[in-house]
Amino acid sequence: MPFFDTTDGTSLFYATAGAADGRCVVFAHAWGLNSGMWHYQVPAFLEAGLKCVLFDRRGHGRSDLPGQGYDLDRLADDLADLLIHLDARDVVLVGHSLGAAETVRYLTRHGAERIAGIVLSAPTTPFELRTEDNPDGPIPLASAEAMWALLRRDVGAFVEAVSGADYFGAEYPISATLGDWTRSQIVNTHPQVLVSTSRSRITSDQREEFAGITCPALVVHGDADRSAPIDVTGRKTHSLLPQSKLVIVPGAGHGVYLSDSDRYNKELLAFIDALPG
């Protein structure tokens, strides 16, 4: 299995599949999960002739578990280190949830020289924390602190509080086994990593970062997403991106990549196929 070292010496797991000369699609996974979450995307992307790159964020999956580096800047730098390691160009970045925030911060810090387009999937951007100047932020600080305390005490209690209907959407029944597999990825992630990355996601104000993003962008969001309510995340993100398309999946929750994978894959592949190059 391949690994590479980031510029701060952290070893991260990654995997590649597909034609060497196919356009490179790099997948950044959701908060608490790992690269396995993309199992239901890779076959369709390989069939389309694309090269897929998956990686485990630091502290997740098979990657190292360092004691630091879970702020959004460092996570975006890890992504940059991966692209440099692969000398990847003409890349499509696909980021889900926290991965979408990483994708935006990557462009802020490293520019779009290597990037052909981005997909922000159920994004948590632009700013989740409720503050005086962000009154419709979906998460009050007290709620965030209660969640972080629960994660430190009992991750299982946290995941048990979120039903399959909450995560995938009531209109998209998912097998109990697939739901348990998704929850197990969170349970297997160190509690302090869950807290640190959640804190980075919720408290990062990215509202000013979008003005400099000019590459083509696709925003995909379920209108039944309870984790990242579409009106204050997906729709706002779309409005801040000058060259973006918004695709709304009716009845889908935060796990839209699984609940309606056929529709999800079709929309992403159509976006990628329309990119120049």
C-alpha atoms as a PDB file:
ATOM      1  CA  MET A   1       0.000   0.000   0.000  1.00  0.00           C
ATOM      2  CA  PRO A   2       1.431   3.412  -0.920  1.00  0.00           C
ATOM      3  CA  PHE A   3       2.194   6.115   1.607  1.00  0.00           C
ATOM      4  CA  PHE A   4       3.844   9.511   1.302  1.00  0.00           C
ATOM      5  CA  ASP A   5       5.306  11.949   3.825  1.00  0.00           C
ATOM      6  CA  THR A   6       3.896  15.443   4.170  1.00  0.00           C
ATOM      7  CA  THR A   7       6.144  18.447   4.695  1.00  0.00           C
ATOM      8  CA  ASP A   8       5.732  18.104   8.473  1.00  0.00           C
ATOM      9  CA  GLY A   9       6.746  14.437   8.408  1.00  0.00           C
ATOM     10  CA  THR A  10       3.321  12.813   8.681  1.00  0.00           C
ATOM     11  CA  SER A  11       2.835   9.601   6.686  1.00  0.00           C
ATOM     12  CA  LEU A  12      -0.484   9.514   4.809  1.00  0.00           C
ATOM     13  CA  PHE A  13      -2.083   6.579   3.035  1.00  0.00           C
ATOM     14  CA  TYR A  14      -3.243   7.010  -0.539  1.00  0.00           C
ATOM     15  CA  ALA A  15      -4.389   4.775  -3.375  1.00  0.00           C
ATOM     16  CA  THR A  16      -4.647   5.279  -7.123  1.00  0.00           C
ATOM     17  CA  ALA A  17      -6.712   3.428  -9.698  1.00  0.00           C
ATOM     18  CA  GLY A  18      -7.503   3.856 -13.361  1.00  0.00           C
ATOM     19  CA  ALA A  19      -5.791   4.778 -16.598  1.00  0.00           C
ATOM     20  CA  ALA A  20      -2.465   6.541 -16.200  1.00  0.00           C
ATOM     21  CA  ASP A  21      -3.441   9.020 -18.915  1.00  0.00           C
ATOM     22  CA  GLY A  22      -6.957   9.622 -17.591  1.00  0.00           C
ATOM     23  CA  ARG A  23      -7.921  12.910 -15.994  1.00  0.00           C
ATOM     24  CA  CYS A  24      -7.016  12.803 -12.310  1.00  0.00           C
ATOM     25  CA  VAL A  25      -9.849  13.010  -9.783  1.00  0.00           C
ATOM     26  CA  VAL A  26      -8.763  13.419  -6.153  1.00  0.00           C
ATOM     27  CA  PHE A  27     -11.341  12.589  -3.476  1.00  0.00           C
ATOM     28  CA  ALA A  28     -11.229  14.272  -0.042  1.00  0.00           C
ATOM     29  CA  HIS A  29     -13.422  12.383   2.432  1.00  0.00           C
ATOM     30  CA  ALA A  30     -15.913  13.578   5.026  1.00  0.00           C
ATOM     31  CA  TRP A  31     -15.358  14.376   8.691  1.00  0.00           C
ATOM     32  CA  GLY A  32     -14.732  11.235  10.733  1.00  0.00           C
ATOM     33  CA  LEU A  33     -14.727   8.879   7.747  1.00  0.00           C
ATOM     34  CA  ASN A  34     -11.895   7.678   5.519  1.00  0.00           C
ATOM     35  CA  SER A  35     -11.179   7.029   1.856  1.00  0.00           C
ATOM     36  CA  GLY A  36     -13.409   3.948   1.923  1.00  0.00           C
ATOM     37  CA  MET A  37     -16.459   6.216   1.779  1.00  0.00           C
ATOM     38  CA  TRP A  38     -15.887   6.523  -1.982  1.00  0.00           C
ATOM     39  CA  HIS A  39     -16.407   2.806  -2.736  1.00  0.00           C
ATOM     40  CA  TYR A  40     -19.607   3.572  -4.643  1.00  0.00           C
ATOM     41  CA  GLN A  41     -18.009   6.255  -6.829  1.00  0.00           C
ATOM     42  CA  VAL A  42     -14.763   4.643  -7.978  1.00  0.00           C
ATOM     43  CA  PRO A  43     -16.207   1.942 -10.308  1.00  0.00           C
ATOM     44  CA  ALA A  44     -18.256   4.489 -12.287  1.00  0.00           C
ATOM     45  CA  PHE A  45     -15.294   6.854 -12.536  1.00  0.00           C
ATOM     46  CA  LEU A  46     -12.960   4.112 -13.721  1.00  0.00           C
ATOM     47  CA  GLU A  47     -15.503   3.063 -16.333  1.00  0.00           C
ATOM     48  CA  ALA A  48     -15.478   6.666 -17.562  1.00  0.00           C
ATOM     49  CA  GLY A  49     -11.708   6.449 -18.125  1.00  0.00           C
ATOM     50  CA  LEU A  50     -10.699   8.628 -15.188  1.00  0.00           C
ATOM     51  CA  LYS A  51      -7.807   8.183 -12.771  1.00  0.00           C
ATOM     52  CA  CYS A  52      -8.968   8.109  -9.150  1.00  0.00           C
ATOM     53  CA  VAL A  53      -6.832   9.141  -6.192  1.00  0.00           C
ATOM     54  CA  LEU A  54      -8.086   8.424  -2.679  1.00  0.00           C
ATOM     55  CA  PHE A  55      -6.344   9.270   0.572  1.00  0.00           C
ATOM     56  CA  ASP A  56      -6.892   9.060   4.316  1.00  0.00           C
ATOM     57  CA  ARG A  57      -6.697  12.380   6.125  1.00  0.00           C
ATOM     58  CA  ARG A  58      -4.136  12.521   8.947  1.00  0.00           C
ATOM     59  CA  GLY A  59      -5.475  10.744  12.008  1.00  0.00           C
ATOM     60  CA  HIS A  60      -7.921   8.729   9.908  1.00  0.00           C
ATOM     61  CA  GLY A  61      -7.907   5.267   8.364  1.00  0.00           C
ATOM     62  CA  ARG A  62      -4.397   4.003   7.647  1.00  0.00           C
ATOM     63  CA  SER A  63      -2.625   7.350   7.954  1.00  0.00           C
ATOM     64  CA  ASP A  64      -0.429   8.442  10.857  1.00  0.00           C
ATOM     65  CA  LEU A  65      -1.998   9.746  14.053  1.00  0.00           C
ATOM     66  CA  PRO A  66       0.072  12.821  14.927  1.00  0.00           C
ATOM     67  CA  GLY A  67      -0.725  14.948  17.941  1.00  0.00           C
ATOM     68  CA  GLN A  68      -1.118  18.117  15.910  1.00  0.00           C
ATOM     69  CA  GLY A  69      -1.940  19.439  12.459  1.00  0.00           C
ATOM     70  CA  TYR A  70      -5.739  19.243  12.428  1.00  0.00           C
ATOM     71  CA  ASP A  71      -6.348  22.904  11.604  1.00  0.00           C
ATOM     72  CA  LEU A  72      -7.759  23.640   8.165  1.00  0.00           C
ATOM     73  CA  ASP A  73      -4.510  25.206   6.897  1.00  0.00           C
ATOM     74  CA  ARG A  74      -2.481  22.083   7.652  1.00  0.00           C
ATOM     75  CA  LEU A  75      -5.148  19.784   6.219  1.00  0.00           C
ATOM     76  CA  ALA A  76      -5.135  21.820   2.997  1.00  0.00           C
ATOM     77  CA  ASP A  77      -1.336  21.656   2.959  1.00  0.00           C
ATOM     78  CA  ASP A  78      -1.538  17.866   3.254  1.00  0.00           C
ATOM     79  CA  LEU A  79      -3.701  17.857   0.133  1.00  0.00           C
ATOM     80  CA  ALA A  80      -1.169  20.076  -1.615  1.00  0.00           C
ATOM     81  CA  ASP A  81       1.655  17.736  -0.579  1.00  0.00           C
ATOM     82  CA  LEU A  82      -0.241  14.820  -2.121  1.00  0.00           C
ATOM     83  CA  LEU A  83      -0.692  16.602  -5.452  1.00  0.00           C
ATOM     84  CA  ILE A  84       2.987  17.538  -5.502  1.00  0.00           C
ATOM     85  CA  HIS A  85       4.002  13.978  -4.613  1.00  0.00           C
ATOM     86  CA  LEU A  86       1.966  12.674  -7.553  1.00  0.00           C
ATOM     87  CA  ASP A  87       2.885  15.631  -9.789  1.00  0.00           C
ATOM     88  CA  ALA A  88      -0.851  15.702 -10.515  1.00  0.00           C
ATOM     89  CA  ARG A  89      -2.149  18.342 -12.923  1.00  0.00           C
ATOM     90  CA  ASP A  90      -5.449  19.153 -14.590  1.00  0.00           C
ATOM     91  CA  VAL A  91      -7.008  17.757 -11.405  1.00  0.00           C
ATOM     92  CA  VAL A  92     -10.645  17.649 -10.357  1.00  0.00           C
ATOM     93  CA  LEU A  93     -10.917  17.917  -6.575  1.00  0.00           C
ATOM     94  CA  VAL A  94     -13.986  16.269  -5.044  1.00  0.00           C
ATOM     95  CA  GLY A  95     -14.488  17.170  -1.391  1.00  0.00           C
ATOM     96  CA  HIS A  96     -17.378  16.024   0.789  1.00  0.00           C
ATOM     97  CA  SER A  97     -18.381  17.909   3.951  1.00  0.00           C
ATOM     98  CA  LEU A  98     -15.089  18.742   5.720  1.00  0.00           C
ATOM     99  CA  GLY A  99     -13.359  17.683   2.490  1.00  0.00           C
ATOM    100  CA  ALA A 100     -15.159  20.553   0.744  1.00  0.00           C
ATOM    101  CA  ALA A 101     -13.776  23.020   3.286  1.00  0.00           C
ATOM    102  CA  GLU A 102     -10.293  21.573   2.702  1.00  0.00           C
ATOM    103  CA  THR A 103     -10.757  21.999  -1.035  1.00  0.00           C
ATOM    104  CA  VAL A 104     -11.645  25.681  -0.670  1.00  0.00           C
ATOM    105  CA  ARG A 105      -8.735  26.300   1.713  1.00  0.00           C
ATOM    106  CA  TYR A 106      -6.393  24.479  -0.692  1.00  0.00           C
ATOM    107  CA  LEU A 107      -7.287  26.969  -3.430  1.00  0.00           C
ATOM    108  CA  THR A 108      -6.874  29.892  -1.026  1.00  0.00           C
ATOM    109  CA  ARG A 109      -3.396  28.801   0.031  1.00  0.00           C
ATOM    110  CA  HIS A 110      -2.046  27.098  -3.090  1.00  0.00           C
ATOM    111  CA  GLY A 111      -3.971  28.477  -6.050  1.00  0.00           C
ATOM    112  CA  ALA A 112      -5.524  26.683  -8.998  1.00  0.00           C
ATOM    113  CA  GLU A 113      -2.438  25.973 -11.120  1.00  0.00           C
ATOM    114  CA  ARG A 114      -2.986  22.223 -10.825  1.00  0.00           C
ATOM    115  CA  ILE A 115      -6.792  22.350 -10.728  1.00  0.00           C
ATOM    116  CA  ALA A 116      -9.277  21.996 -13.605  1.00  0.00           C
ATOM    117  CA  GLY A 117     -12.412  22.102 -11.448  1.00  0.00           C
ATOM    118  CA  ILE A 118     -13.838  21.367  -8.026  1.00  0.00           C
ATOM    119  CA  VAL A 119     -16.844  19.503  -6.646  1.00  0.00           C
ATOM    120  CA  LEU A 120     -18.121  20.637  -3.257  1.00  0.00           C
ATOM    121  CA  SER A 121     -20.300  17.790  -2.035  1.00  0.00           C
ATOM    122  CA  ALA A 122     -22.650  18.531   0.891  1.00  0.00           C
ATOM    123  CA  PRO A 123     -20.275  21.341   1.865  1.00  0.00           C
ATOM    124  CA  THR A 124     -20.077  22.698   5.387  1.00  0.00           C
ATOM    125  CA  THR A 125     -18.897  26.014   3.971  1.00  0.00           C
ATOM    126  CA  PRO A 126     -18.935  28.959   4.208  1.00  0.00           C
ATOM    127  CA  PHE A 127     -19.278  29.262   8.028  1.00  0.00           C
ATOM    128  CA  GLU A 128     -21.159  26.985  10.408  1.00  0.00           C
ATOM    129  CA  LEU A 129     -20.705  28.782  13.723  1.00  0.00           C
ATOM    130  CA  ARG A 130     -23.531  31.086  14.818  1.00  0.00           C
ATOM    131  CA  THR A 131     -22.084  34.489  15.662  1.00  0.00           C
ATOM    132  CA  GLU A 132     -23.311  38.080  15.783  1.00  0.00           C
ATOM    133  CA  ASP A 133     -22.309  38.654  12.174  1.00  0.00           C
ATOM    134  CA  ASN A 134     -23.408  35.152  11.114  1.00  0.00           C
ATOM    135  CA  PRO A 135     -26.804  34.860  12.838  1.00  0.00           C
ATOM    136  CA  ASP A 136     -28.076  32.052  10.602  1.00  0.00           C
ATOM    137  CA  GLY A 137     -25.037  29.884  11.264  1.00  0.00           C
ATOM    138  CA  PRO A 138     -26.460  26.416  11.960  1.00  0.00           C
ATOM    139  CA  ILE A 139     -24.364  25.624  15.043  1.00  0.00           C
ATOM    140  CA  PRO A 140     -24.358  27.710  18.248  1.00  0.00           C
ATOM    141  CA  LEU A 141     -21.127  27.531  20.210  1.00  0.00           C
ATOM    142  CA  ALA A 142     -22.852  25.896  23.185  1.00  0.00           C
ATOM    143  CA  SER A 143     -24.141  23.093  20.943  1.00  0.00           C
ATOM    144  CA  ALA A 144     -20.679  22.579  19.468  1.00  0.00           C
ATOM    145  CA  GLU A 145     -19.094  22.399  22.906  1.00  0.00           C
ATOM    146  CA  ALA A 146     -21.698  19.848  24.059  1.00  0.00           C
ATOM    147  CA  MET A 147     -20.971  17.734  20.972  1.00  0.00           C
ATOM    148  CA  TRP A 148     -17.217  17.887  21.573  1.00  0.00           C
ATOM    149  CA  ALA A 149     -17.713  16.844  25.203  1.00  0.00           C
ATOM    150  CA  LEU A 150     -19.832  13.870  24.092  1.00  0.00           C
ATOM    151  CA  LEU A 151     -17.224  12.832  21.514  1.00  0.00           C
ATOM    152  CA  ARG A 152     -14.525  12.856  24.204  1.00  0.00           C
ATOM    153  CA  ARG A 153     -16.709  10.796  26.538  1.00  0.00           C
ATOM    154  CA  ASP A 154     -18.447   8.309  24.204  1.00  0.00           C
ATOM    155  CA  VAL A 155     -18.198   8.381  20.410  1.00  0.00           C
ATOM    156  CA  GLY A 156     -20.669   5.513  20.232  1.00  0.00           C
ATOM    157  CA  ALA A 157     -23.342   7.603  21.925  1.00  0.00           C
ATOM    158  CA  PHE A 158     -22.765  10.327  19.370  1.00  0.00           C
ATOM    159  CA  VAL A 159     -23.206   8.061  16.341  1.00  0.00           C
ATOM    160  CA  GLU A 160     -26.179   6.245  17.875  1.00  0.00           C
ATOM    161  CA  ALA A 161     -27.966   9.580  18.170  1.00  0.00           C
ATOM    162  CA  VAL A 162     -27.904   9.965  14.362  1.00  0.00           C
ATOM    163  CA  SER A 163     -30.240   7.572  12.574  1.00  0.00           C
ATOM    164  CA  GLY A 164     -29.864   6.320   9.045  1.00  0.00           C
ATOM    165  CA  ALA A 165     -32.811   8.514   8.045  1.00  0.00           C
ATOM    166  CA  ASP A 166     -31.021  11.520   9.575  1.00  0.00           C
ATOM    167  CA  TYR A 167     -27.816  10.897   7.640  1.00  0.00           C
ATOM    168  CA  PHE A 168     -29.036   9.473   4.349  1.00  0.00           C
ATOM    169  CA  GLY A 169     -32.530  10.968   4.152  1.00  0.00           C
ATOM    170  CA  ALA A 170     -35.809   9.268   4.945  1.00  0.00           C
ATOM    171  CA  GLU A 171     -36.623   8.801   1.249  1.00  0.00           C
ATOM    172  CA  TYR A 172     -33.477   6.717   0.682  1.00  0.00           C
ATOM    173  CA  PRO A 173     -33.492   3.605   2.887  1.00  0.00           C
ATOM    174  CA  ILE A 174     -29.988   2.227   3.340  1.00  0.00           C
ATOM    175  CA  SER A 175     -29.258  -1.264   4.671  1.00  0.00           C
ATOM    176  CA  ALA A 176     -28.473  -1.513   8.362  1.00  0.00           C
ATOM    177  CA  THR A 177     -25.129  -3.061   7.439  1.00  0.00           C
ATOM    178  CA  LEU A 178     -24.129  -0.119   5.259  1.00  0.00           C
ATOM    179  CA  GLY A 179     -25.222   2.285   7.961  1.00  0.00           C
ATOM    180  CA  ASP A 180     -23.179   0.398  10.563  1.00  0.00           C
ATOM    181  CA  TRP A 181     -20.161   0.400   8.240  1.00  0.00           C
ATOM    182  CA  THR A 182     -20.388   4.181   7.937  1.00  0.00           C
ATOM    183  CA  ARG A 183     -20.721   4.623  11.706  1.00  0.00           C
ATOM    184  CA  SER A 184     -17.795   2.283  12.346  1.00  0.00           C
ATOM    185  CA  GLN A 185     -15.467   4.584  10.451  1.00  0.00           C
ATOM    186  CA  ILE A 186     -16.296   7.367  12.900  1.00  0.00           C
ATOM    187  CA  VAL A 187     -16.003   5.079  15.945  1.00  0.00           C
ATOM    188  CA  ASN A 188     -12.587   3.912  14.721  1.00  0.00           C
ATOM    189  CA  THR A 189     -11.282   7.484  14.520  1.00  0.00           C
ATOM    190  CA  HIS A 190      -9.559   8.781  17.657  1.00  0.00           C
ATOM    191  CA  PRO A 191     -11.926  10.959  19.723  1.00  0.00           C
ATOM    192  CA  GLN A 192      -9.467  13.843  19.957  1.00  0.00           C
ATOM    193  CA  VAL A 193      -9.032  13.809  16.172  1.00  0.00           C
ATOM    194  CA  LEU A 194     -12.818  13.963  15.806  1.00  0.00           C
ATOM    195  CA  VAL A 195     -12.959  16.912  18.192  1.00  0.00           C
ATOM    196  CA  SER A 196     -10.025  18.762  16.623  1.00  0.00           C
ATOM    197  CA  THR A 197     -11.261  18.405  13.046  1.00  0.00           C
ATOM    198  CA  SER A 198     -14.834  19.255  14.062  1.00  0.00           C
ATOM    199  CA  ARG A 199     -13.581  22.380  15.810  1.00  0.00           C
ATOM    200  CA  SER A 200     -11.586  23.371  12.724  1.00  0.00           C
ATOM    201  CA  ARG A 201     -14.601  22.856  10.478  1.00  0.00           C
ATOM    202  CA  ILE A 202     -17.144  24.669  12.621  1.00  0.00           C
ATOM    203  CA  THR A 203     -15.022  27.667  13.617  1.00  0.00           C
ATOM    204  CA  SER A 204     -13.400  28.348  10.220  1.00  0.00           C
ATOM    205  CA  ASP A 205     -14.965  31.408   8.606  1.00  0.00           C
ATOM    206  CA  GLN A 206     -14.432  30.924   4.864  1.00  0.00           C
ATOM    207  CA  ARG A 207     -16.829  33.582   3.628  1.00  0.00           C
ATOM    208  CA  GLU A 208     -14.039  35.760   2.249  1.00  0.00           C
ATOM    209  CA  GLU A 209     -12.172  32.895   0.560  1.00  0.00           C
ATOM    210  CA  PHE A 210     -14.553  32.347  -2.333  1.00  0.00           C
ATOM    211  CA  ALA A 211     -13.913  35.641  -4.124  1.00  0.00           C
ATOM    212  CA  GLY A 212     -10.572  34.390  -5.439  1.00  0.00           C
ATOM    213  CA  ILE A 213     -11.904  31.060  -6.747  1.00  0.00           C
ATOM    214  CA  THR A 214     -12.511  31.250 -10.479  1.00  0.00           C
ATOM    215  CA  CYS A 215     -12.214  27.624 -11.583  1.00  0.00           C
ATOM    216  CA  PRO A 216     -15.403  25.767 -12.575  1.00  0.00           C
ATOM    217  CA  ALA A 217     -17.269  24.384  -9.575  1.00  0.00           C
ATOM    218  CA  LEU A 218     -20.130  21.995  -8.916  1.00  0.00           C
ATOM    219  CA  VAL A 219     -22.051  22.101  -5.638  1.00  0.00           C
ATOM    220  CA  VAL A 220     -24.078  18.949  -4.897  1.00  0.00           C
ATOM    221  CA  HIS A 221     -26.415  18.914  -1.913  1.00  0.00           C
ATOM    222  CA  GLY A 222     -29.429  17.008  -0.621  1.00  0.00           C
ATOM    223  CA  ASP A 223     -32.322  19.200   0.448  1.00  0.00           C
ATOM    224  CA  ALA A 224     -32.955  16.967   3.489  1.00  0.00           C
ATOM    225  CA  ASP A 225     -29.400  17.344   4.832  1.00  0.00           C
ATOM    226  CA  ARG A 226     -29.632  17.757   8.608  1.00  0.00           C
ATOM    227  CA  SER A 227     -25.878  17.812   9.201  1.00  0.00           C
ATOM    228  CA  ALA A 228     -25.296  20.739   6.833  1.00  0.00           C
ATOM    229  CA  PRO A 229     -28.684  22.371   6.109  1.00  0.00           C
ATOM    230  CA  ILE A 230     -28.689  23.367   2.464  1.00  0.00           C
ATOM    231  CA  ASP A 231     -29.973  26.928   2.886  1.00  0.00           C
ATOM    232  CA  VAL A 232     -27.025  27.970   5.052  1.00  0.00           C
ATOM    233  CA  THR A 233     -24.331  25.813   3.430  1.00  0.00           C
ATOM    234  CA  GLY A 234     -24.880  24.533  -0.111  1.00  0.00           C
ATOM    235  CA  ARG A 235     -26.968  27.465  -1.379  1.00  0.00           C
ATOM    236  CA  LYS A 236     -24.692  30.042   0.260  1.00  0.00           C
ATOM    237  CA  THR A 237     -21.600  28.317  -1.098  1.00  0.00           C
ATOM    238  CA  HIS A 238     -23.097  28.336  -4.599  1.00  0.00           C
ATOM    239  CA  SER A 239     -23.940  32.051  -4.326  1.00  0.00           C
ATOM    240  CA  LEU A 240     -20.352  32.879  -3.367  1.00  0.00           C
ATOM    241  CA  LEU A 241     -18.768  31.003  -6.294  1.00  0.00           C
ATOM    242  CA  PRO A 242     -18.770  33.002  -9.548  1.00  0.00           C
ATOM    243  CA  GLN A 243     -18.531  29.926 -11.775  1.00  0.00           C
ATOM    244  CA  SER A 244     -20.582  27.261 -10.072  1.00  0.00           C
ATOM    245  CA  LYS A 245     -23.543  25.015 -10.751  1.00  0.00           C
ATOM    246  CA  LEU A 246     -25.842  23.869  -7.953  1.00  0.00           C
ATOM    247  CA  VAL A 247     -27.412  20.412  -8.105  1.00  0.00           C
ATOM    248  CA  ILE A 248     -30.036  19.682  -5.470  1.00  0.00           C
ATOM    249  CA  VAL A 249     -30.962  16.055  -4.809  1.00  0.00           C
ATOM    250  CA  PRO A 250     -34.531  15.987  -3.444  1.00  0.00           C
ATOM    251  CA  GLY A 251     -34.971  14.077  -0.203  1.00  0.00           C
ATOM    252  CA  ALA A 252     -31.284  13.224   0.167  1.00  0.00           C
ATOM    253  CA  GLY A 253     -29.378  13.776   3.380  1.00  0.00           C
ATOM    254  CA  HIS A 254     -25.717  14.368   4.129  1.00  0.00           C
ATOM    255  CA  GLY A 255     -24.816  10.911   2.814  1.00  0.00           C
ATOM    256  CA  VAL A 256     -25.974  11.742  -0.713  1.00  0.00           C
ATOM    257  CA  TYR A 257     -22.890  10.027  -2.147  1.00  0.00           C
ATOM    258  CA  LEU A 258     -24.391   6.708  -0.955  1.00  0.00           C
ATOM    259  CA  SER A 259     -28.121   7.276  -0.762  1.00  0.00           C
ATOM    260  CA  ASP A 260     -28.453   8.147  -4.450  1.00  0.00           C
ATOM    261  CA  SER A 261     -25.054   7.144  -5.781  1.00  0.00           C
ATOM    262  CA  ASP A 262     -26.309   6.682  -9.358  1.00  0.00           C
ATOM    263  CA  ARG A 263     -27.615  10.260  -9.568  1.00  0.00           C
ATOM    264  CA  TYR A 264     -24.606  11.572  -7.671  1.00  0.00           C
ATOM    265  CA  ASN A 265     -22.106   9.849  -9.958  1.00  0.00           C
ATOM    266  CA  LYS A 266     -23.982  10.944 -13.070  1.00  0.00           C
ATOM    267  CA  GLU A 267     -23.900  14.606 -12.020  1.00  0.00           C
ATOM    268  CA  LEU A 268     -20.198  14.523 -11.139  1.00  0.00           C
ATOM    269  CA  LEU A 269     -19.228  12.735 -14.345  1.00  0.00           C
ATOM    270  CA  ALA A 270     -21.250  15.155 -16.479  1.00  0.00           C
ATOM    271  CA  PHE A 271     -19.503  18.095 -14.795  1.00  0.00           C
ATOM    272  CA  ILE A 272     -16.065  16.552 -15.328  1.00  0.00           C
ATOM    273  CA  ASP A 273     -16.841  15.649 -18.946  1.00  0.00           C
ATOM    274  CA  ALA A 274     -17.759  19.281 -19.681  1.00  0.00           C
ATOM    275  CA  LEU A 275     -14.474  20.670 -18.342  1.00  0.00           C
ATOM    276  CA  PRO A 276     -11.957  21.872 -20.943  1.00  0.00           C
ATOM    277  CA  GLY A 277      -8.814  19.869 -21.509  1.00  0.00           C
END
